[in-house]
Amino acid sequence: SKAGSLRMGFSNGGITSLEQTPALVESPDTVPLQPAHMRGVLDPLSAILALSRPRDGNPCNQKVPVFDGKVRFDLTFSFKEDAPIGEAQRGAAVEMVRVCRVRVLPIAGHRDDEASAQLKRSMGIEVAFRAIPSAKLFVPHRITVPTFAGAAVLTSHSVHIRTQNEQIALVN
């Protein structure tokens, strides 16, 4: 019952076209989207890419405006800690990740209900970024999202990055 497709076109920092199949049926308590909500935004995949190259070199010092085709929201990242990925290997330093707290601020397109209010209050969402100095970027290593049944944790086990001249790979 949730199958469908979404096509978004972007130009000049905003959404120029939006096609949803089947058409979106909004609930009466949905916060209405305005044209201004669709300017200066990124789709979710582009947002992840933007996070990978922070302007100041710190992935925990960012605010990303996102529109997923239905909901406009901001993701705000703040520093929590630097943490080890695992045990140190003999003669090598422990690899570290930068752990960021993530605040989700729904702007429009969401239902104005208790679930949205709880999401705004949540401080339990975290993203641990792994630095890849040779590529000058950070990649999400672990994402933790609290749920009613406990934390949902997504962990990357390998990353393959191809540059023009070489391949860079990380394997956990």
Protein backbone atom coordinates (compact mmCIF):
# COMPACT_ATOMS: atom_id res chain seq x y z
CA SER A 1 0.00 0.00 0.00
CA LYS A 2 3.03 2.30 0.23
CA ALA A 3 4.45 1.64 -3.24
CA GLY A 4 4.92 4.58 -5.54
CA SER A 5 7.43 6.82 -7.22
CA LEU A 6 8.76 10.31 -6.75
CA ARG A 7 10.52 12.53 -9.26
CA MET A 8 11.99 15.89 -8.25
CA GLY A 9 13.71 18.40 -10.52
CA PHE A 10 16.16 20.94 -9.11
CA SER A 11 17.53 24.15 -10.61
CA ASN A 12 19.00 27.35 -9.19
CA GLY A 13 18.86 26.08 -5.60
CA GLY A 14 15.22 25.06 -5.61
CA ILE A 15 12.70 22.48 -6.71
CA THR A 16 11.36 23.16 -10.19
CA SER A 17 9.20 20.06 -10.63
CA LEU A 18 7.64 17.46 -8.38
CA GLU A 19 5.75 14.36 -9.55
CA GLN A 20 4.35 11.76 -7.13
CA THR A 21 2.61 8.56 -8.16
CA PRO A 22 0.17 7.91 -6.65
CA ALA A 23 -0.68 11.52 -5.81
CA LEU A 24 -0.09 12.51 -2.22
CA VAL A 25 -3.22 12.67 -0.04
CA GLU A 26 -2.64 15.05 2.84
CA SER A 27 -4.22 14.75 6.24
CA PRO A 28 -6.18 17.79 7.52
CA ASP A 29 -3.55 18.35 10.25
CA THR A 30 -0.64 18.53 7.76
CA VAL A 31 1.44 21.70 8.00
CA PRO A 32 1.07 23.20 4.49
CA LEU A 33 4.07 23.49 2.19
CA GLN A 34 4.74 26.96 0.80
CA PRO A 35 6.86 27.77 -2.29
CA ALA A 36 9.56 29.20 0.03
CA HIS A 37 9.91 25.77 1.68
CA MET A 38 11.21 24.33 -1.59
CA ARG A 39 14.03 26.82 -2.15
CA GLY A 40 17.56 26.25 -0.92
CA VAL A 41 16.92 22.58 -0.11
CA LEU A 42 18.56 19.25 -0.87
CA ASP A 43 17.03 15.86 -1.54
CA PRO A 44 18.00 13.20 1.07
CA LEU A 45 20.80 11.65 -1.04
CA SER A 46 22.35 15.02 -1.88
CA ALA A 47 22.11 15.93 1.82
CA ILE A 48 24.26 12.91 2.71
CA LEU A 49 26.78 13.93 0.07
CA ALA A 50 26.81 17.50 1.41
CA LEU A 51 27.48 16.17 4.90
CA SER A 52 30.49 14.23 3.65
CA ARG A 53 32.41 17.42 2.82
CA PRO A 54 31.83 19.89 5.67
CA ARG A 55 32.97 23.43 4.87
CA ASP A 56 34.95 23.80 8.09
CA GLY A 57 36.17 20.18 8.26
CA ASN A 58 33.85 19.31 11.13
CA PRO A 59 30.87 17.11 10.23
CA CYS A 60 29.22 17.98 13.56
CA ASN A 61 28.96 21.67 12.74
CA GLN A 62 26.30 21.62 10.04
CA LYS A 63 22.68 22.40 9.33
CA VAL A 64 21.16 20.81 6.25
CA PRO A 65 17.79 21.85 4.73
CA VAL A 66 16.09 18.75 3.26
CA PHE A 67 12.95 18.14 1.21
CA ASP A 68 12.06 14.48 0.61
CA GLY A 69 9.15 15.08 -1.76
CA LYS A 70 6.63 15.36 1.04
CA VAL A 71 8.23 16.87 4.14
CA ARG A 72 10.55 19.88 4.47
CA PHE A 73 12.86 19.58 7.49
CA ASP A 74 16.21 20.75 8.81
CA LEU A 75 18.89 18.41 10.17
CA THR A 76 21.16 20.12 12.69
CA PHE A 77 24.34 18.35 13.75
CA SER A 78 26.26 19.03 16.97
CA PHE A 79 29.37 17.41 18.44
CA LYS A 80 28.89 14.63 21.00
CA GLU A 81 32.26 12.85 21.15
CA ASP A 82 35.12 11.19 19.35
CA ALA A 83 34.87 7.42 19.85
CA PRO A 84 36.96 4.40 18.85
CA ILE A 85 35.69 2.15 16.06
CA GLY A 86 37.21 -0.97 17.58
CA GLU A 87 40.29 -2.38 19.26
CA ALA A 88 43.76 -1.12 18.40
CA GLN A 89 45.82 -3.43 16.22
CA ARG A 90 49.38 -4.15 17.34
CA GLY A 91 51.53 -1.17 16.44
CA ALA A 92 48.63 0.89 15.12
CA ALA A 93 46.49 3.59 16.65
CA VAL A 94 42.80 3.03 17.31
CA GLU A 95 40.71 4.47 14.49
CA MET A 96 38.22 7.07 15.70
CA VAL A 97 34.85 8.32 14.52
CA ARG A 98 33.32 11.72 15.14
CA VAL A 99 29.90 11.23 16.77
CA CYS A 100 27.28 13.92 16.16
CA ARG A 101 23.88 14.41 17.74
CA VAL A 102 21.20 15.07 15.15
CA ARG A 103 18.16 17.25 15.72
CA VAL A 104 15.31 16.98 13.24
CA LEU A 105 13.19 20.08 12.90
CA PRO A 106 10.06 19.52 10.78
CA ILE A 107 9.25 22.70 8.83
CA ALA A 108 6.27 21.76 6.63
CA GLY A 109 4.52 18.81 5.00
CA HIS A 110 4.42 16.88 8.29
CA ARG A 111 1.45 16.19 10.51
CA ASP A 112 1.23 18.54 13.47
CA ASP A 113 0.89 15.76 16.05
CA GLU A 114 2.63 14.23 19.05
CA ALA A 115 4.99 12.17 16.86
CA SER A 116 6.33 15.37 15.26
CA ALA A 117 6.62 17.06 18.64
CA GLN A 118 8.53 14.06 20.00
CA LEU A 119 10.87 14.11 16.98
CA LYS A 120 11.63 17.80 17.62
CA ARG A 121 12.51 16.99 21.25
CA SER A 122 14.60 13.90 20.50
CA MET A 123 18.31 14.08 21.26
CA GLY A 124 18.88 10.36 20.74
CA ILE A 125 19.57 10.38 17.00
CA GLU A 126 23.30 10.09 16.31
CA VAL A 127 25.57 9.78 13.28
CA ALA A 128 29.16 8.60 13.66
CA PHE A 129 31.30 9.90 10.79
CA ARG A 130 34.45 8.13 9.70
CA ALA A 131 37.16 10.33 8.21
CA ILE A 132 38.76 9.36 4.92
CA PRO A 133 41.70 11.80 4.79
CA SER A 134 42.99 10.64 1.39
CA ALA A 135 39.60 11.51 -0.15
CA LYS A 136 39.13 14.60 2.06
CA LEU A 137 35.68 13.51 3.19
CA PHE A 138 33.66 11.91 5.96
CA VAL A 139 31.28 8.99 5.51
CA PRO A 140 28.52 7.90 7.87
CA HIS A 141 29.86 4.84 9.71
CA ARG A 142 26.98 4.31 12.12
CA ILE A 143 23.51 5.85 12.41
CA THR A 144 21.53 5.36 15.62
CA VAL A 145 17.82 6.18 15.84
CA PRO A 146 15.79 5.57 19.00
CA THR A 147 12.53 3.66 18.56
CA PHE A 148 9.83 2.49 20.94
CA ALA A 149 11.44 -1.00 20.91
CA GLY A 150 15.05 0.17 21.42
CA ALA A 151 17.68 1.74 19.22
CA ALA A 152 17.81 1.00 15.49
CA VAL A 153 21.47 0.98 14.47
CA LEU A 154 22.76 0.98 10.88
CA THR A 155 26.50 0.32 10.52
CA SER A 156 28.58 0.40 7.35
CA HIS A 157 30.98 -2.51 6.93
CA SER A 158 32.76 -1.36 3.80
CA VAL A 159 33.04 1.74 1.69
CA HIS A 160 34.47 1.85 -1.82
CA ILE A 161 35.37 5.23 -3.26
CA ARG A 162 36.76 5.72 -6.74
CA THR A 163 38.64 8.85 -7.60
CA GLN A 164 39.94 9.69 -11.06
CA ASN A 165 43.36 8.25 -10.29
CA GLU A 166 42.87 5.55 -7.67
CA GLN A 167 40.41 3.53 -5.61
CA ILE A 168 40.13 4.15 -1.90
CA ALA A 169 38.40 1.48 0.18
CA LEU A 170 37.56 1.04 3.84
CA VAL A 171 36.60 -2.31 5.30
CA ASN A 172 35.57 -2.85 8.88
